[in-house]
Structure formats: structure tokens, C-alpha cells
Amino acid sequence: MRHRAALLLLGIGLLSIFFGFAAGIATAQDETPTPTPEVTQTPEEEPASDAYCLLCHTKPDQVWHLPGGETLSVTIDPQVLAGSVHGESSPEGALACADCHPNFRYPHPPTTARTTREFRLERYAVCRNCHEDQYTRAQDSVHGAFLRAGRLEAAVCVDCHGGHDIQPPDEPRQRISLTCGRCHGAIFEEYRLSVHGSALLDEGNPDVPTCIDCHGVHDIQNPTTTLFRVRSPELCANCHANDELMGKYDISTHVFDTYLSDFHGSTVTLFEQEAPDVVTNKAVCYDCHGVHNIKAVEAGTDTAIRENLLTTCQQCHPGATADFSNAWLGHYPATMESQPVLFLANRLYDVLIPVVIAVLVILIGSELIRRIRQRQSG
């Protein structure tokens, strides 16, 4: 009986040891951290190749319907793209589609643009990636100021240069003014009929000013400001004070020199130097000759020739009579043929003034010598 009880206790003990050992193993297994599966890093997506983009965008009649109801053609002619300044002939090498349209794999990322204009305004800033200086100056221009004021029609890069078909902006040179004429149509028509515009557009003359010669390129400023007005003679001087350039067309630079020496020019010069932001009503070049509609003197329609001068003067001097305008000698120096009395008077002064100065120098010198001798003898 005792023997059987001892065997029973031994069996219970062995079972306890067995189950305890099994529980310890299970607990150890539960506490062992579960291995974390390796995360496969997806390499950065390669930009879309031109071939990938052109698979769709060379198909004819590809049209994008914008939420505002407008449509935009998205069909691209590879030949036009290759022939642009960003194409195969570019010295820096051709740009790829992804350079201007990053992250544009299909399906394309959504856009908030509702109209074609809004889409252009969303996308044109990409030009800054390569053309930082030009982009910054454009933002500081009158166009940039209008955009910030909510005038969404103000020109941005693609309005002047195009998108996929960008060409050199000054080849041929007429392209400059034709580009500005897309927005400034009324002004362009005046310029086209002017002495400058007809020479450029009809004759291809490379010496006459285009829009950007007077207004600048990317940093165009507001031409209606006081500062622009008082500095406008400097714009005219770029050509009309250039002896070599004016000599090609038998135009005297006295036109500009005499303006600076007369009452109008000297006063405007003083304002430009001392108070450029103060309004002055003194005439500048374009008050008499016009702005975009300047006519050739030979045509007889120029507002500053003698026949039309009185009407021009009366714009600022309403009570002026014929004697008022006839008293002005013009932009050319007096000659024996044009103003003989004034010419002879000027020649007299040319001789008389040096003689008077010489006599005064002799008198003063002789007086000094006399006084020195008196002191020495005294």
C-alpha cells in the first residue's frame, strides 16, 4: 500500500515537471519577437521618356476638355518641337518633355485649372528652372504687377515666346513688334504706320527701334509714370545722339543737342537730375513728335514741322499765335540761308567775346604789374 502511494506521488511529480517544462518553452516562444518582413524600397520613378509621351500626343485631334467649357489641343508635332529653340538644334542640347512637364506620367496629375488661361498661369513658372534672371525681372515688370493685381490677361512667358514652338524672339527682327502686337493691337497699328514701324515692317530696316528698344524686354516698366516721362529723351538719344547711326540717314544730331539747350530740354534735364518723381509740364520729345505714331518729315504730316507747328504748340500754349511758333528757330543751327541776321550776330559774338576777354585779361595783367612795381619801388 505504501509502495503504491509512493509510485503515485512519483508519477504526479514527473507529470508536474513535464508540464512545467512545456509551459516554459511555450512562454519563451511567445516572448521571442516576431521577425519583421523586409520592406522593399521602390526606386524613384524614372521620368517619362519623350517616346512615352509622344505615343499619345502625336495622335491627331487630341483635345482636352477643361471644366470651364474650353478645349485645348494637346496634339504635338514632333517636327515643330525639334525645330524650336529647345529642340535638337539647341546648343545646350534638346530639352525632354519631362524637363518642362515633370511627374506627368499617365494618368496625369489633376489640375485645378478651369480655363486655358488658368492652365497657362499654372504652368509658366516652369520656365524659371532655366531662365531665373528673365523670370525674376518679368515679375518686377508692369506685366508682373498687373498679374498680382488680378489682371490675368497680363503677358507671361508663353504668351510672348510660345510653348512647344519657341523660336528666336528677334529672328527676323520684325517678330519683336509683331509679338507685342498680339496684345497691344491698337498701339501696334499706330506704330506700323509710323516712320519707325514702316521702315521695320515694310523695309526690314535693322536700325529703327522696335517696342523693346524703348520699353525694355522682361523688365518693362509703366510708361505713364512721371519718371518715365522725364527720362524719355534718353530713349530718343540712344539713336538721335548717335553720330554714326544718324550719319547713315543724313539726320543731324543737332536735333537732340538743340533740345537739351533750349528751355524745354534744359528744364526737363534739371527735373530728371534733381526731382525725377516731380511732375513737370515741359515738353519732351514725344509731346511734339508723337509716341507710336511718329511721322516722317518728308511726308508733310509730322506734327513738329513748320506747317503744323502752331497746332502742336497750342496743345500746351492754347493762346499761341503764328508769331509764337515762328519765333522758334527749330532744331538746327542758324545758317546764312535760313536766318542770316541771327547767323551774322552769332559770328559777331564768336569774335567779340574772345576779344573782350583778351582785353580784360591784358588790362588786369597790366594793373597787377603796375601795383607790383609800385610796392617794389615804395
Protein backbone atom coordinates (compact mmCIF):
# COMPACT_ATOMS: atom_id res chain seq x y z
CA MET A 1 0.00 0.00 0.00
CA ARG A 2 2.78 2.40 0.92
CA HIS A 3 4.69 1.28 -2.16
CA ARG A 4 1.70 2.10 -4.41
CA ALA A 5 1.28 5.54 -2.80
CA ALA A 6 4.95 6.32 -3.40
CA LEU A 7 4.66 5.39 -7.07
CA LEU A 8 1.61 7.62 -7.41
CA LEU A 9 3.42 10.59 -5.87
CA LEU A 10 6.40 9.97 -8.13
CA GLY A 11 4.16 9.92 -11.18
CA ILE A 12 2.48 13.15 -10.16
CA GLY A 13 5.87 14.77 -9.64
CA LEU A 14 7.14 13.67 -13.07
CA LEU A 15 3.98 14.98 -14.74
CA SER A 16 4.36 18.33 -12.95
CA ILE A 17 7.96 18.63 -14.11
CA PHE A 18 6.97 17.75 -17.69
CA PHE A 19 4.11 20.24 -17.91
CA GLY A 20 6.18 22.94 -16.25
CA PHE A 21 8.96 22.46 -18.75
CA ALA A 22 6.47 22.56 -21.67
CA ALA A 23 4.89 25.75 -20.33
CA GLY A 24 8.33 27.38 -20.06
CA ILE A 25 9.10 26.56 -23.66
CA ALA A 26 5.76 27.97 -24.79
CA THR A 27 6.31 31.14 -22.79
CA ALA A 28 9.80 31.54 -24.23
CA GLN A 29 8.40 31.14 -27.73
CA ASP A 30 5.73 33.78 -27.02
CA GLU A 31 8.33 36.29 -25.79
CA THR A 32 10.60 35.88 -28.83
CA PRO A 33 9.96 38.91 -31.14
CA THR A 34 8.36 38.09 -34.44
CA PRO A 35 10.77 38.81 -37.33
CA THR A 36 9.73 41.95 -39.32
CA PRO A 37 9.32 41.27 -43.04
CA GLU A 38 11.76 43.19 -45.23
CA VAL A 39 10.27 46.31 -46.85
CA THR A 40 11.19 46.52 -50.50
CA GLN A 41 12.25 50.11 -51.30
CA THR A 42 10.67 51.25 -54.54
CA PRO A 43 13.28 53.09 -56.57
CA GLU A 44 12.42 56.67 -57.58
CA GLU A 45 10.28 56.58 -60.68
CA GLU A 46 12.16 57.32 -63.86
CA PRO A 47 10.91 60.43 -65.70
CA ALA A 48 8.75 59.67 -68.69
CA SER A 49 10.69 59.48 -71.94
CA ASP A 50 9.77 61.55 -74.99
CA ALA A 51 8.75 58.37 -76.79
CA TYR A 52 6.39 57.53 -73.93
CA CYS A 53 4.74 60.98 -74.11
CA LEU A 54 4.51 61.07 -77.87
CA LEU A 55 2.76 57.72 -78.03
CA CYS A 56 -0.41 59.65 -77.22
CA HIS A 57 0.44 63.25 -78.01
CA THR A 58 1.25 62.68 -81.69
CA LYS A 59 -2.22 61.36 -82.36
CA PRO A 60 -4.25 63.87 -84.38
CA ASP A 61 -7.13 65.83 -82.91
CA GLN A 62 -6.19 65.18 -79.30
CA VAL A 63 -8.31 67.65 -77.32
CA TRP A 64 -8.52 68.34 -73.60
CA HIS A 65 -11.92 69.49 -72.37
CA LEU A 66 -11.46 71.83 -69.43
CA PRO A 67 -14.07 72.18 -66.67
CA GLY A 68 -14.88 75.73 -67.77
CA GLY A 69 -16.05 74.53 -71.17
CA GLU A 70 -12.95 75.46 -73.20
CA THR A 71 -10.91 72.97 -75.18
CA LEU A 72 -7.14 72.80 -75.57
CA SER A 73 -5.37 70.87 -78.31
CA VAL A 74 -2.75 68.54 -76.83
CA THR A 75 -1.54 67.12 -80.13
CA ILE A 76 2.20 67.76 -80.57
CA ASP A 77 4.05 67.81 -83.88
CA PRO A 78 7.49 66.26 -83.21
CA GLN A 79 8.99 68.24 -86.12
CA VAL A 80 7.82 71.53 -84.65
CA LEU A 81 9.21 70.54 -81.26
CA ALA A 82 12.55 69.53 -82.77
CA GLY A 83 12.79 72.78 -84.72
CA SER A 84 12.23 75.01 -81.69
CA VAL A 85 14.97 76.67 -79.66
CA HIS A 86 14.63 73.83 -77.15
CA GLY A 87 14.83 71.17 -79.86
CA GLU A 88 17.62 69.25 -81.49
CA SER A 89 19.40 72.37 -82.82
CA SER A 90 19.79 73.90 -79.35
CA PRO A 91 23.47 74.43 -78.41
CA GLU A 92 22.69 73.29 -74.87
CA GLY A 93 21.02 70.14 -76.13
CA ALA A 94 17.36 69.35 -76.59
CA LEU A 95 15.01 69.54 -73.63
CA ALA A 96 12.98 66.44 -72.88
CA CYS A 97 9.23 66.54 -72.27
CA ALA A 98 9.81 65.74 -68.60
CA ASP A 99 12.05 68.82 -68.18
CA CYS A 100 9.01 71.05 -68.53
CA HIS A 101 6.34 68.52 -67.51
CA PRO A 102 7.80 66.65 -64.51
CA ASN A 103 5.75 63.87 -62.92
CA PHE A 104 3.37 63.78 -65.88
CA ARG A 105 3.18 60.02 -66.37
CA TYR A 106 -0.22 58.72 -67.38
CA PRO A 107 -2.67 59.20 -65.79
CA HIS A 108 -1.70 62.84 -65.48
CA PRO A 109 -1.89 64.56 -62.11
CA PRO A 110 -5.09 66.53 -61.52
CA THR A 111 -5.19 70.27 -62.14
CA THR A 112 -7.36 72.97 -60.61
CA ALA A 113 -7.40 74.99 -63.84
CA ARG A 114 -10.86 75.57 -65.26
CA THR A 115 -9.80 77.55 -68.35
CA THR A 116 -6.89 77.56 -70.77
CA ARG A 117 -5.72 80.85 -69.23
CA GLU A 118 -5.66 79.40 -65.75
CA PHE A 119 -3.70 76.40 -67.06
CA ARG A 120 -1.07 78.70 -68.63
CA LEU A 121 -0.74 80.63 -65.39
CA GLU A 122 -0.28 77.34 -63.51
CA ARG A 123 2.42 76.09 -65.84
CA TYR A 124 4.50 79.08 -66.98
CA ALA A 125 6.59 79.22 -63.78
CA VAL A 126 8.45 76.13 -65.00
CA CYS A 127 10.45 78.50 -67.23
CA ARG A 128 12.15 79.73 -64.07
CA ASN A 129 14.04 76.43 -63.78
CA CYS A 130 16.33 77.51 -66.63
CA HIS A 131 15.66 81.23 -67.02
CA GLU A 132 15.83 82.52 -63.44
CA ASP A 133 17.03 86.03 -64.27
CA GLN A 134 14.48 86.69 -67.02
CA TYR A 135 11.68 85.24 -64.90
CA THR A 136 12.56 87.43 -61.91
CA ARG A 137 12.73 90.60 -63.98
CA ALA A 138 9.38 89.80 -65.56
CA GLN A 139 7.85 89.52 -62.09
CA ASP A 140 9.16 93.02 -61.33
CA SER A 141 7.76 94.44 -64.57
CA VAL A 142 4.43 96.12 -65.29
CA HIS A 143 3.15 92.75 -66.51
CA GLY A 144 4.03 91.10 -63.20
CA ALA A 145 2.41 93.94 -61.25
CA PHE A 146 -0.81 93.54 -63.24
CA LEU A 147 -0.86 89.80 -62.61
CA ARG A 148 -0.55 90.32 -58.86
CA ALA A 149 -3.38 92.85 -59.08
CA GLY A 150 -5.65 90.21 -60.59
CA ARG A 151 -5.26 91.24 -64.25
CA LEU A 152 -4.92 87.69 -65.53
CA GLU A 153 -4.60 88.82 -69.16
CA ALA A 154 -1.15 90.31 -68.47
CA ALA A 155 1.55 88.59 -70.51
CA VAL A 156 3.58 85.69 -69.14
CA CYS A 157 6.48 83.80 -70.74
CA VAL A 158 4.44 81.55 -73.02
CA ASP A 159 2.30 84.44 -74.30
CA CYS A 160 5.36 86.06 -75.90
CA HIS A 161 7.55 83.05 -76.63
CA GLY A 162 5.08 80.24 -77.27
CA GLY A 163 5.10 76.74 -75.84
CA HIS A 164 6.38 73.86 -77.95
CA ASP A 165 7.20 76.03 -80.99
CA ILE A 166 9.53 78.62 -79.37
CA GLN A 167 11.71 80.41 -81.92
CA PRO A 168 14.45 83.07 -81.50
CA PRO A 169 12.45 86.15 -80.44
CA ASP A 170 14.30 88.55 -82.76
CA GLU A 171 14.70 86.48 -85.92
CA PRO A 172 13.52 88.15 -88.02
CA ARG A 173 13.64 91.42 -86.10
CA GLN A 174 10.05 92.22 -87.07
CA ARG A 175 8.94 89.35 -84.82
CA ILE A 176 9.58 91.53 -81.74
CA SER A 177 6.91 94.11 -82.56
CA LEU A 178 4.57 91.51 -84.06
CA THR A 179 4.71 89.67 -80.74
CA CYS A 180 3.81 92.79 -78.75
CA GLY A 181 1.02 93.48 -81.24
CA ARG A 182 -0.82 90.32 -80.16
CA CYS A 183 -1.96 92.13 -77.02
CA HIS A 184 -1.35 95.78 -77.92
CA GLY A 185 -3.19 95.79 -81.23
CA ALA A 186 -4.26 99.45 -81.37
CA ILE A 187 -0.79 100.69 -80.47
CA PHE A 188 0.74 98.31 -83.00
CA GLU A 189 -1.40 99.77 -85.78
CA GLU A 190 -0.15 103.27 -84.92
CA TYR A 191 3.43 102.02 -84.84
CA ARG A 192 3.01 100.12 -88.13
CA LEU A 193 2.12 103.35 -89.96
CA SER A 194 4.84 105.43 -88.30
CA VAL A 195 8.26 106.28 -89.71
CA HIS A 196 9.83 103.67 -87.46
CA GLY A 197 7.26 100.92 -87.94
CA SER A 198 7.02 101.19 -91.72
CA ALA A 199 10.82 101.07 -92.01
CA LEU A 200 10.94 97.95 -89.86
CA LEU A 201 7.92 96.02 -91.10
CA ASP A 202 7.90 97.05 -94.75
CA GLU A 203 11.60 97.51 -95.44
CA GLY A 204 13.21 95.26 -92.84
CA ASN A 205 15.43 98.11 -91.68
CA PRO A 206 17.51 96.81 -88.71
CA ASP A 207 18.36 100.28 -87.38
CA VAL A 208 14.92 101.56 -86.38
CA PRO A 209 13.64 100.94 -82.84
CA THR A 210 11.26 98.13 -82.03
CA CYS A 211 9.00 98.06 -78.97
CA ILE A 212 11.69 96.66 -76.67
CA ASP A 213 14.24 99.34 -77.61
CA CYS A 214 12.05 101.91 -75.88
CA HIS A 215 10.23 99.80 -73.30
CA GLY A 216 12.72 97.11 -72.38
CA VAL A 217 12.36 93.36 -72.61
CA HIS A 218 11.45 91.44 -69.45
CA ASP A 219 11.68 94.38 -67.03
CA ILE A 220 9.13 96.60 -68.82
CA GLN A 221 8.06 99.49 -66.60
CA ASN A 222 4.89 101.58 -66.60
CA PRO A 223 5.29 104.23 -69.36
CA THR A 224 2.69 106.55 -67.79
CA THR A 225 4.77 107.44 -64.73
CA THR A 226 6.47 110.79 -64.12
CA LEU A 227 9.86 109.08 -64.03
CA PHE A 228 9.36 107.52 -67.46
CA ARG A 229 8.33 110.88 -68.88
CA VAL A 230 11.33 112.89 -67.70
CA ARG A 231 13.71 110.15 -68.80
CA SER A 232 12.09 109.63 -72.20
CA PRO A 233 14.56 111.96 -74.01
CA GLU A 234 17.27 109.47 -73.08
CA LEU A 235 15.42 106.84 -75.11
CA CYS A 236 15.41 109.09 -78.17
CA ALA A 237 19.07 109.89 -77.56
CA ASN A 238 20.02 106.24 -77.98
CA CYS A 239 19.59 106.79 -81.71
CA HIS A 240 19.34 110.53 -82.31
CA ALA A 241 22.54 111.43 -80.45
CA ASN A 242 24.48 108.70 -82.25
CA ASP A 243 26.59 110.43 -84.93
CA GLU A 244 27.46 107.22 -86.77
CA LEU A 245 23.89 105.93 -86.94
CA MET A 246 22.35 109.30 -87.84
CA GLY A 247 25.02 109.83 -90.48
CA LYS A 248 23.74 106.79 -92.39
CA TYR A 249 20.39 108.57 -92.90
CA ASP A 250 21.65 112.14 -93.22
CA ILE A 251 19.98 113.12 -89.95
CA SER A 252 21.78 115.69 -87.85
CA THR A 253 22.36 115.06 -84.15
CA HIS A 254 21.71 118.79 -83.68
CA VAL A 255 18.08 117.75 -83.33
CA PHE A 256 18.83 116.31 -79.93
CA ASP A 257 21.56 118.76 -78.92
CA THR A 258 19.39 121.80 -79.52
CA TYR A 259 16.55 120.28 -77.49
CA LEU A 260 18.85 119.93 -74.49
CA SER A 261 20.00 123.54 -74.80
CA ASP A 262 16.57 125.17 -75.15
CA PHE A 263 14.11 125.98 -72.38
CA HIS A 264 12.13 122.74 -72.62
CA GLY A 265 15.13 120.43 -72.68
CA SER A 266 17.18 122.18 -70.03
CA THR A 267 14.22 122.25 -67.62
CA VAL A 268 13.37 118.58 -68.17
CA THR A 269 17.05 117.71 -67.67
CA LEU A 270 17.06 119.60 -64.38
CA PHE A 271 13.94 117.74 -63.21
CA GLU A 272 15.46 114.42 -64.28
CA GLN A 273 18.57 115.10 -62.21
CA GLU A 274 17.07 116.78 -59.16
CA ALA A 275 13.44 115.65 -58.84
CA PRO A 276 12.63 112.76 -61.22
CA ASP A 277 9.34 111.97 -59.49
CA VAL A 278 8.01 115.55 -59.60
CA VAL A 279 5.51 116.29 -62.37
CA THR A 280 6.63 118.80 -65.00
CA ASN A 281 4.56 120.15 -67.89
CA LYS A 282 7.62 120.97 -70.00
CA ALA A 283 7.59 119.30 -73.38
CA VAL A 284 9.55 116.14 -74.01
CA CYS A 285 10.27 114.69 -77.44
CA TYR A 286 7.06 112.72 -77.79
CA ASP A 287 4.84 115.69 -76.87
CA CYS A 288 5.76 117.32 -80.17
CA HIS A 289 6.57 114.36 -82.39
CA GLY A 290 4.10 111.76 -81.13
CA VAL A 291 4.71 108.45 -79.40
CA HIS A 292 3.98 105.42 -81.53
CA ASN A 293 2.66 107.45 -84.49
CA ILE A 294 5.80 109.48 -85.33
CA LYS A 295 5.69 110.52 -89.00
CA ALA A 296 8.45 111.17 -91.48
CA VAL A 297 9.23 114.85 -92.04
CA GLU A 298 9.22 114.30 -95.80
CA ALA A 299 5.60 113.09 -95.67
CA GLY A 300 4.40 116.53 -94.58
CA THR A 301 2.34 115.04 -91.74
CA ASP A 302 4.88 115.31 -88.93
CA THR A 303 3.42 117.34 -86.08
CA ALA A 304 6.65 119.27 -85.50
CA ILE A 305 7.30 120.65 -88.97
CA ARG A 306 6.74 124.36 -89.55
CA GLU A 307 3.36 123.92 -91.27
CA ASN A 308 1.91 122.00 -88.32
CA LEU A 309 3.91 123.56 -85.52
CA LEU A 310 1.35 126.10 -84.33
CA THR A 311 -1.24 123.38 -83.70
CA THR A 312 1.39 121.40 -81.80
CA CYS A 313 2.40 124.39 -79.66
CA GLN A 314 -1.23 125.15 -78.84
CA GLN A 315 -1.55 121.82 -77.03
CA CYS A 316 0.41 123.40 -74.16
CA HIS A 317 0.07 127.09 -75.11
CA PRO A 318 -3.62 127.50 -76.07
CA GLY A 319 -3.28 131.24 -76.73
CA ALA A 320 -0.31 130.90 -79.07
CA THR A 321 -0.49 132.72 -82.42
CA ALA A 322 1.51 132.26 -85.59
CA ASP A 323 4.19 134.64 -84.26
CA PHE A 324 4.68 132.32 -81.27
CA SER A 325 5.65 129.31 -83.35
CA ASN A 326 7.52 131.37 -85.96
CA ALA A 327 9.80 132.70 -83.24
CA TRP A 328 11.19 129.21 -82.66
CA LEU A 329 14.26 128.65 -84.80
CA GLY A 330 13.99 124.88 -84.91
CA HIS A 331 16.38 122.11 -84.02
CA TYR A 332 19.06 123.19 -86.48
CA PRO A 333 21.66 125.93 -86.01
CA ALA A 334 21.14 129.22 -87.85
CA THR A 335 22.74 129.48 -91.29
CA MET A 336 23.26 132.31 -93.74
CA GLU A 337 20.48 130.86 -95.87
CA SER A 338 17.89 130.22 -93.14
CA GLN A 339 18.42 133.03 -90.59
CA PRO A 340 21.10 135.43 -91.96
CA VAL A 341 20.70 138.09 -89.24
CA LEU A 342 20.97 135.58 -86.41
CA PHE A 343 23.82 133.82 -88.17
CA LEU A 344 25.83 137.06 -88.50
CA ALA A 345 25.02 138.00 -84.89
CA ASN A 346 26.31 134.64 -83.69
CA ARG A 347 29.51 135.05 -85.72
CA LEU A 348 29.95 138.55 -84.26
CA TYR A 349 29.65 137.16 -80.76
CA ASP A 350 32.06 134.38 -81.66
CA VAL A 351 34.67 137.05 -82.41
CA LEU A 352 33.63 139.73 -79.94
CA ILE A 353 33.55 137.61 -76.79
CA PRO A 354 37.13 136.27 -77.10
CA VAL A 355 38.39 139.80 -77.95
CA VAL A 356 36.64 141.31 -74.90
CA ILE A 357 38.01 138.57 -72.64
CA ALA A 358 41.51 139.09 -74.05
CA VAL A 359 41.32 142.88 -73.48
CA LEU A 360 40.15 142.31 -69.90
CA VAL A 361 43.00 139.89 -69.26
CA ILE A 362 45.51 142.43 -70.64
CA LEU A 363 44.05 145.25 -68.52
CA ILE A 364 44.02 143.14 -65.34
CA GLY A 365 47.53 141.88 -66.05
CA SER A 366 48.91 145.36 -66.66
CA GLU A 367 47.25 146.62 -63.47
CA LEU A 368 48.81 143.80 -61.44
CA ILE A 369 52.22 144.54 -62.92
CA ARG A 370 51.84 148.27 -62.13
CA ARG A 371 50.95 147.57 -58.49
CA ILE A 372 53.81 145.10 -58.04
CA ARG A 373 56.27 147.71 -59.33
CA GLN A 374 54.82 150.37 -57.02
CA ARG A 375 55.34 148.12 -53.98
CA GLN A 376 58.88 147.29 -55.03
CA SER A 377 59.78 150.98 -55.52
CA GLY A 378 57.85 152.17 -52.47
